[in-house]
């Protein structure tokens, strides 16, 4: 029997994150990028974009996820991504989930099914994303975040994503604050609070759905990290009215930007209907091209709420950007900023192609 072969785009551009290796192995040895860094045309400072108090070369970047440490931040910056998000950190060292962390899937209406190979079209590339938010020690983060920031060129900015964890000794809110202060001390220019993570069974995973909690947590975080800007990361909303209530609550707390959407939480099965990630992880986050329609709907609704309610808030769109032209789709739907994640892993030249207005020919 002939084994199925990977698509042409994959052979020509292997991913810079090896999904067959552990998160720790990728963090230590990656990113796995061997090509030359494309030359980028100089950007006139008069054409820089103003974003949360920073002048940046372009409104595109990388969301929380692919940029595991300073080595990954440095590569992404060199490749032309101007808004760099350091992968979500905790206040303590955490190993996260064991393998598998990422597998190829097809998204169905209410679940996803594992497939053996990447999708034939890069535009459709879809995977699970189940890491459990691993994090390094405080000392490592203080040094590495500073190193990541130092690697950026003028016209680029570093966001650090943070999450809180509730224990017997500390509340979820207090740990959010402590982790945000760690990021601030390390040199973050902007703090992103992850209020949505469908890959873990914890209190914060649905935090974004409760307007009162969004207000209380965001207000406390804004006070704690002053004068740094605060972004909150949200997931998919069940309705327009629900999104509206959360956005109004966030604006009331003086949140500077809202980033969405996070990966879609769905049950993930093998072809024979078994839990693809094991019985302890029946649900996982779905990311990549097949969630783009949900992300664009989020951006469109967010823009409408912002306009109707006259909210002074930046909309950061993410989800399913796998081709260079997808960035402009997000801007068309109302995003101020457009970020990629899975797309950057499987085509690290996305930013270069966007800046040169080239399309991905091998999809």
Protein backbone atom coordinates (compact mmCIF):
# COMPACT_ATOMS: atom_id res chain seq x y z
CA UNK A 1 0.00 0.00 0.00
CA UNK A 2 1.35 3.44 -0.92
CA UNK A 3 1.69 5.82 1.94
CA UNK A 4 0.00 9.17 1.56
CA UNK A 5 2.45 11.91 0.63
CA UNK A 6 2.44 15.38 2.18
CA UNK A 7 1.28 18.24 -0.07
CA UNK A 8 3.70 20.20 -2.21
CA UNK A 9 3.57 23.32 -0.04
CA UNK A 10 4.59 21.28 3.01
CA UNK A 11 7.53 19.64 1.27
CA UNK A 12 8.78 23.00 0.02
CA UNK A 13 8.21 24.77 3.34
CA UNK A 14 8.46 22.40 6.34
CA UNK A 15 6.97 23.92 9.52
CA UNK A 16 9.29 25.69 11.95
CA UNK A 17 7.58 23.88 14.85
CA UNK A 18 7.98 20.09 14.76
CA UNK A 19 4.68 18.63 15.96
CA UNK A 20 6.31 15.22 16.49
CA UNK A 21 8.57 16.70 19.17
CA UNK A 22 7.61 17.86 22.66
CA UNK A 23 7.03 21.49 23.51
CA UNK A 24 10.26 21.48 25.55
CA UNK A 25 12.24 20.10 22.59
CA UNK A 26 10.84 22.74 20.26
CA UNK A 27 11.55 25.48 22.79
CA UNK A 28 15.13 24.33 23.28
CA UNK A 29 16.07 23.48 19.68
CA UNK A 30 13.68 25.49 17.51
CA UNK A 31 12.62 27.32 15.55
CA UNK A 32 13.48 24.95 12.71
CA UNK A 33 14.06 27.53 10.02
CA UNK A 34 16.97 27.19 7.59
CA UNK A 35 16.17 29.57 4.73
CA UNK A 36 17.55 33.05 4.18
CA UNK A 37 15.78 36.00 5.79
CA UNK A 38 13.97 37.91 3.02
CA UNK A 39 15.04 41.48 2.49
CA UNK A 40 12.41 43.99 3.53
CA UNK A 41 11.98 47.41 2.01
CA UNK A 42 12.53 50.28 4.39
CA UNK A 43 9.34 51.77 5.84
CA UNK A 44 9.11 55.56 6.03
CA UNK A 45 8.54 56.55 9.66
CA UNK A 46 5.78 58.87 8.47
CA UNK A 47 3.88 55.73 7.46
CA UNK A 48 4.22 53.94 10.79
CA UNK A 49 1.01 52.75 12.46
CA UNK A 50 0.10 54.04 15.92
CA UNK A 51 -0.76 51.13 18.19
CA UNK A 52 -1.31 51.44 21.95
CA UNK A 53 1.29 54.17 22.35
CA UNK A 54 3.81 52.59 19.99
CA UNK A 55 4.76 53.48 16.43
CA UNK A 56 4.99 50.26 14.40
CA UNK A 57 5.86 49.51 10.79
CA UNK A 58 2.70 47.54 10.00
CA UNK A 59 -0.52 46.32 11.63
CA UNK A 60 0.35 42.61 11.33
CA UNK A 61 2.01 40.23 13.75
CA UNK A 62 1.93 36.94 15.61
CA UNK A 63 -0.60 36.03 18.29
CA UNK A 64 0.15 34.19 21.52
CA UNK A 65 1.15 30.63 20.69
CA UNK A 66 3.97 30.14 18.19
CA UNK A 67 6.60 32.38 19.81
CA UNK A 68 7.91 30.11 22.55
CA UNK A 69 10.86 32.22 23.72
CA UNK A 70 13.31 34.91 22.63
CA UNK A 71 14.74 32.80 19.80
CA UNK A 72 11.29 32.51 18.25
CA UNK A 73 10.52 36.20 18.83
CA UNK A 74 13.81 37.16 17.18
CA UNK A 75 13.12 35.06 14.09
CA UNK A 76 9.56 36.35 13.69
CA UNK A 77 10.77 39.94 14.00
CA UNK A 78 13.41 39.39 11.34
CA UNK A 79 10.79 37.82 9.08
CA UNK A 80 8.70 41.02 9.15
CA UNK A 81 6.08 40.42 11.82
CA UNK A 82 5.89 43.71 13.71
CA UNK A 83 3.62 42.85 16.64
CA UNK A 84 5.21 39.97 18.54
CA UNK A 85 3.35 38.13 21.30
CA UNK A 86 5.41 36.10 23.77
CA UNK A 87 3.61 32.81 24.40
CA UNK A 88 1.36 32.83 27.47
CA UNK A 89 3.30 32.71 30.73
CA UNK A 90 2.31 31.64 34.23
CA UNK A 91 3.62 32.79 37.61
CA UNK A 92 5.28 29.40 38.09
CA UNK A 93 7.03 26.76 35.99
CA UNK A 94 4.59 24.37 34.33
CA UNK A 95 5.36 21.41 32.06
CA UNK A 96 2.04 21.49 30.21
CA UNK A 97 0.54 18.52 28.39
CA UNK A 98 2.53 15.58 27.08
CA UNK A 99 2.45 14.64 23.39
CA UNK A 100 0.41 14.78 21.28
CA UNK A 101 0.00 18.55 21.32
CA UNK A 102 -0.88 19.20 17.69
CA UNK A 103 -2.54 16.85 15.21
CA UNK A 104 -4.13 17.54 11.84
CA UNK A 105 -7.93 17.59 11.88
CA UNK A 106 -11.01 18.40 9.86
CA UNK A 107 -13.50 20.60 11.67
CA UNK A 108 -17.10 19.38 11.66
CA UNK A 109 -20.17 21.18 13.01
CA UNK A 110 -19.63 20.31 16.67
CA UNK A 111 -16.41 18.27 16.74
CA UNK A 112 -13.19 17.60 14.85
CA UNK A 113 -11.81 14.39 13.32
CA UNK A 114 -8.13 13.49 13.13
CA UNK A 115 -6.53 13.12 9.71
CA UNK A 116 -3.13 11.68 8.89
CA UNK A 117 -1.55 14.38 6.74
CA UNK A 118 -1.60 18.16 6.30
CA UNK A 119 -4.35 19.54 4.09
CA UNK A 120 -3.77 19.77 0.33
CA UNK A 121 -4.40 23.51 0.40
CA UNK A 122 -2.54 25.61 2.96
CA UNK A 123 -5.63 27.78 3.15
CA UNK A 124 -7.49 24.85 4.75
CA UNK A 125 -4.72 23.73 7.15
CA UNK A 126 -6.34 22.96 10.51
CA UNK A 127 -4.95 21.36 13.66
CA UNK A 128 -5.61 20.88 17.32
CA UNK A 129 -3.66 23.02 19.74
CA UNK A 130 -3.41 21.29 23.12
CA UNK A 131 -0.43 22.38 25.21
CA UNK A 132 -1.87 23.18 28.63
CA UNK A 133 0.02 26.48 28.65
CA UNK A 134 3.51 25.37 29.68
CA UNK A 135 5.70 28.05 31.23
CA UNK A 136 9.27 28.55 32.34
CA UNK A 137 10.53 29.65 35.77
CA UNK A 138 10.38 33.23 36.94
CA UNK A 139 14.15 33.71 36.61
CA UNK A 140 14.15 32.33 33.07
CA UNK A 141 11.27 34.61 32.05
CA UNK A 142 12.81 37.74 33.52
CA UNK A 143 15.93 37.15 31.46
CA UNK A 144 14.34 35.79 28.29
CA UNK A 145 11.55 38.36 27.90
CA UNK A 146 14.13 41.12 28.22
CA UNK A 147 16.23 39.34 25.59
CA UNK A 148 13.19 39.04 23.32
CA UNK A 149 12.46 42.74 23.58
CA UNK A 150 16.08 43.64 22.86
CA UNK A 151 15.95 41.60 19.63
CA UNK A 152 13.24 43.78 18.08
CA UNK A 153 13.96 46.39 15.45
CA UNK A 154 12.60 49.95 15.58
CA UNK A 155 8.94 49.90 14.58
CA UNK A 156 8.19 46.61 16.33
CA UNK A 157 6.56 45.94 19.70
CA UNK A 158 6.49 43.11 22.26
CA UNK A 159 3.29 41.87 23.89
CA UNK A 160 3.53 39.33 26.70
CA UNK A 161 0.51 37.06 27.20
CA UNK A 162 -0.28 36.10 30.79
CA UNK A 163 -2.71 33.79 32.53
CA UNK A 164 -3.72 33.27 36.13
CA UNK A 165 -4.09 29.98 38.01
CA UNK A 166 -6.27 29.42 41.04
CA UNK A 167 -4.84 27.35 43.91
CA UNK A 168 -5.55 26.82 47.59
CA UNK A 169 -3.02 29.54 48.38
CA UNK A 170 -3.95 32.26 45.90
CA UNK A 171 -7.01 33.47 44.03
CA UNK A 172 -7.30 33.45 40.26
CA UNK A 173 -7.39 37.25 40.17
CA UNK A 174 -4.31 37.64 42.37
CA UNK A 175 -2.33 35.19 40.29
CA UNK A 176 -3.34 37.04 37.12
CA UNK A 177 -2.01 40.22 38.73
CA UNK A 178 1.19 38.55 39.92
CA UNK A 179 1.88 37.12 36.47
CA UNK A 180 1.16 40.44 34.78
CA UNK A 181 3.57 42.18 37.15
CA UNK A 182 6.19 39.56 36.28
CA UNK A 183 5.71 40.37 32.60
CA UNK A 184 5.93 44.08 33.32
CA UNK A 185 9.12 43.65 35.35
CA UNK A 186 10.63 41.59 32.53
CA UNK A 187 10.09 44.43 30.06
CA UNK A 188 6.80 43.78 28.28
CA UNK A 189 5.60 46.81 26.34
CA UNK A 190 1.99 45.59 26.35
CA UNK A 191 0.27 42.97 28.54
CA UNK A 192 -2.30 40.54 27.14
CA UNK A 193 -4.51 38.78 29.68
CA UNK A 194 -5.66 35.41 28.39
CA UNK A 195 -9.28 35.18 29.49
CA UNK A 196 -9.96 32.26 27.16
CA UNK A 197 -8.11 29.01 26.70
CA UNK A 198 -10.18 26.00 25.58
CA UNK A 199 -7.20 23.67 26.04
CA UNK A 200 -7.29 23.56 29.83
CA UNK A 201 -9.99 22.68 32.34
CA UNK A 202 -9.66 25.69 34.62
CA UNK A 203 -11.66 28.65 35.87
CA UNK A 204 -10.04 31.13 33.50
CA UNK A 205 -10.96 29.14 30.37
CA UNK A 206 -14.47 30.64 30.31
CA UNK A 207 -13.69 33.90 32.11
CA UNK A 208 -14.32 35.98 28.98
CA UNK A 209 -17.97 34.89 28.85
CA UNK A 210 -18.92 36.61 32.13
CA UNK A 211 -19.17 40.40 31.68
CA UNK A 212 -18.90 41.12 35.41
CA UNK A 213 -15.76 39.00 35.77
CA UNK A 214 -14.26 40.65 32.68
CA UNK A 215 -14.88 44.04 34.26
CA UNK A 216 -13.49 43.12 37.69
CA UNK A 217 -10.40 41.31 36.42
CA UNK A 218 -9.59 43.85 33.73
CA UNK A 219 -10.03 46.81 36.06
CA UNK A 220 -7.69 45.25 38.65
CA UNK A 221 -5.13 44.38 35.98
CA UNK A 222 -5.24 47.88 34.50
CA UNK A 223 -4.48 49.34 37.91
CA UNK A 224 -1.69 46.85 38.60
CA UNK A 225 0.20 47.24 35.32
CA UNK A 226 -0.20 51.00 34.92
CA UNK A 227 0.93 52.67 32.68
CA UNK A 228 1.18 49.69 30.32
CA UNK A 229 -1.71 49.02 27.92
CA UNK A 230 -3.94 46.00 28.54
CA UNK A 231 -5.24 43.61 25.88
CA UNK A 232 -7.70 40.86 26.79
CA UNK A 233 -7.86 37.64 24.76
CA UNK A 234 -11.34 36.21 24.19
CA UNK A 235 -12.86 33.20 22.50
CA UNK A 236 -15.96 32.59 20.43
CA UNK A 237 -19.25 34.07 21.64
CA UNK A 238 -22.62 32.29 21.50
CA UNK A 239 -24.39 35.43 20.26
CA UNK A 240 -23.95 39.02 19.16
CA UNK A 241 -25.68 40.30 22.31
CA UNK A 242 -23.30 38.31 24.52
CA UNK A 243 -20.29 39.77 22.75
CA UNK A 244 -21.78 43.23 23.12
CA UNK A 245 -22.17 42.92 26.89
CA UNK A 246 -18.58 41.75 27.29
CA UNK A 247 -17.18 44.53 25.11
CA UNK A 248 -19.10 47.17 27.06
CA UNK A 249 -17.80 45.70 30.33
CA UNK A 250 -14.25 45.69 28.99
CA UNK A 251 -14.52 49.29 27.82
CA UNK A 252 -15.88 50.30 31.22
CA UNK A 253 -12.73 48.79 32.76
CA UNK A 254 -10.61 50.83 30.33
CA UNK A 255 -9.30 47.81 28.43
CA UNK A 256 -7.19 49.12 25.55
CA UNK A 257 -7.71 46.29 23.06
CA UNK A 258 -9.55 43.01 22.64
CA UNK A 259 -7.95 40.13 20.75
CA UNK A 260 -10.04 37.35 19.33
CA UNK A 261 -10.70 34.83 18.72
CA UNK A 262 -8.85 32.13 20.59
CA UNK A 263 -8.93 28.62 19.17
CA UNK A 264 -12.33 26.87 19.12
CA UNK A 265 -12.84 24.29 21.84
CA UNK A 266 -14.20 21.10 20.31
CA UNK A 267 -14.20 17.35 21.05
CA UNK A 268 -11.52 15.73 18.89
CA UNK A 269 -11.91 12.14 17.71
CA UNK A 270 -9.93 9.61 15.75
CA UNK A 271 -11.46 8.11 12.63
CA UNK A 272 -12.87 5.30 14.78
CA UNK A 273 -14.52 7.77 17.19
CA UNK A 274 -12.00 7.51 20.03
CA UNK A 275 -10.64 10.60 21.88
CA UNK A 276 -7.70 11.62 19.68
CA UNK A 277 -5.70 13.08 22.57
CA UNK A 278 -6.64 10.43 25.12
CA UNK A 279 -9.52 10.11 27.56
CA UNK A 280 -8.16 12.86 29.84
CA UNK A 281 -8.26 15.42 27.01
CA UNK A 282 -11.51 14.81 25.12
CA UNK A 283 -11.72 18.49 24.11
CA UNK A 284 -9.01 20.51 22.45
CA UNK A 285 -8.56 23.89 20.79
CA UNK A 286 -8.97 23.94 17.02
CA UNK A 287 -6.80 26.37 15.10
CA UNK A 288 -5.94 27.11 11.49
CA UNK A 289 -7.77 27.78 8.26
CA UNK A 290 -11.12 26.19 9.09
CA UNK A 291 -11.77 28.59 11.98
CA UNK A 292 -11.22 31.69 9.82
CA UNK A 293 -14.95 32.16 9.17
CA UNK A 294 -15.58 32.22 12.94
CA UNK A 295 -12.76 34.72 13.45
CA UNK A 296 -14.04 37.00 10.70
CA UNK A 297 -17.54 36.86 12.18
CA UNK A 298 -16.07 37.84 15.55
CA UNK A 299 -14.22 40.79 14.01
CA UNK A 300 -17.31 41.93 12.11
CA UNK A 301 -19.47 41.79 15.24
CA UNK A 302 -16.80 43.48 17.34
CA UNK A 303 -16.53 46.30 14.83
CA UNK A 304 -20.30 46.76 14.80
CA UNK A 305 -20.45 46.93 18.62
CA UNK A 306 -17.51 49.33 18.70
CA UNK A 307 -19.30 51.59 16.21
CA UNK A 308 -22.76 51.38 17.82
CA UNK A 309 -21.53 51.93 21.37
CA UNK A 310 -18.76 54.37 20.41
CA UNK A 311 -16.18 52.31 22.27
CA UNK A 312 -12.57 53.48 22.39
CA UNK A 313 -11.07 50.04 21.95
CA UNK A 314 -8.69 48.42 19.47
CA UNK A 315 -9.86 45.26 17.68
CA UNK A 316 -7.15 42.64 17.16
CA UNK A 317 -8.26 39.84 14.85
CA UNK A 318 -6.74 36.36 14.85
CA UNK A 319 -7.80 32.94 13.63
CA UNK A 320 -7.16 31.12 10.39
CA UNK A 321 -4.75 33.48 8.66
CA UNK A 322 -2.73 31.04 6.56
CA UNK A 323 -2.26 33.05 3.35
CA UNK A 324 -0.86 36.57 3.01
CA UNK A 325 -4.12 37.93 1.56
CA UNK A 326 -6.02 36.83 4.67
CA UNK A 327 -4.59 39.77 6.62
CA UNK A 328 -6.51 42.17 4.39
CA UNK A 329 -9.71 40.16 4.88
CA UNK A 330 -9.50 40.91 8.59
CA UNK A 331 -8.94 44.61 7.94
CA UNK A 332 -11.92 44.62 5.56
CA UNK A 333 -14.13 43.17 8.32
CA UNK A 334 -13.05 45.85 10.81
CA UNK A 335 -9.87 44.69 12.56
CA UNK A 336 -7.33 47.35 13.47
CA UNK A 337 -4.64 44.69 13.87
CA UNK A 338 -4.39 41.22 12.25
CA UNK A 339 -2.36 38.41 13.78
CA UNK A 340 -1.53 34.89 12.66
CA UNK A 341 -0.46 31.83 14.64
CA UNK A 342 -0.73 28.47 12.88
CA UNK A 343 -0.05 30.23 9.58
CA UNK A 344 3.27 31.57 10.83
CA UNK A 345 4.41 28.09 11.88
CA UNK A 346 3.65 26.53 8.51
CA UNK A 347 4.60 29.53 6.37
CA UNK A 348 7.02 31.80 8.24
CA UNK A 349 7.24 34.00 5.12
CA UNK A 350 3.64 35.19 5.50
CA UNK A 351 4.66 38.67 6.65
CA UNK A 352 7.23 39.05 3.90
CA UNK A 353 4.62 38.04 1.33
CA UNK A 354 2.13 40.48 2.79
CA UNK A 355 4.59 43.35 2.74
CA UNK A 356 5.45 42.63 -0.88
CA UNK A 357 1.80 41.88 -1.74
CA UNK A 358 2.71 38.45 -3.05
CA UNK A 359 0.28 35.55 -2.89
CA UNK A 360 1.13 32.05 -1.82
CA UNK A 361 1.37 30.23 -5.15
CA UNK A 362 1.70 26.65 -3.88
CA UNK A 363 -1.60 26.37 -2.05
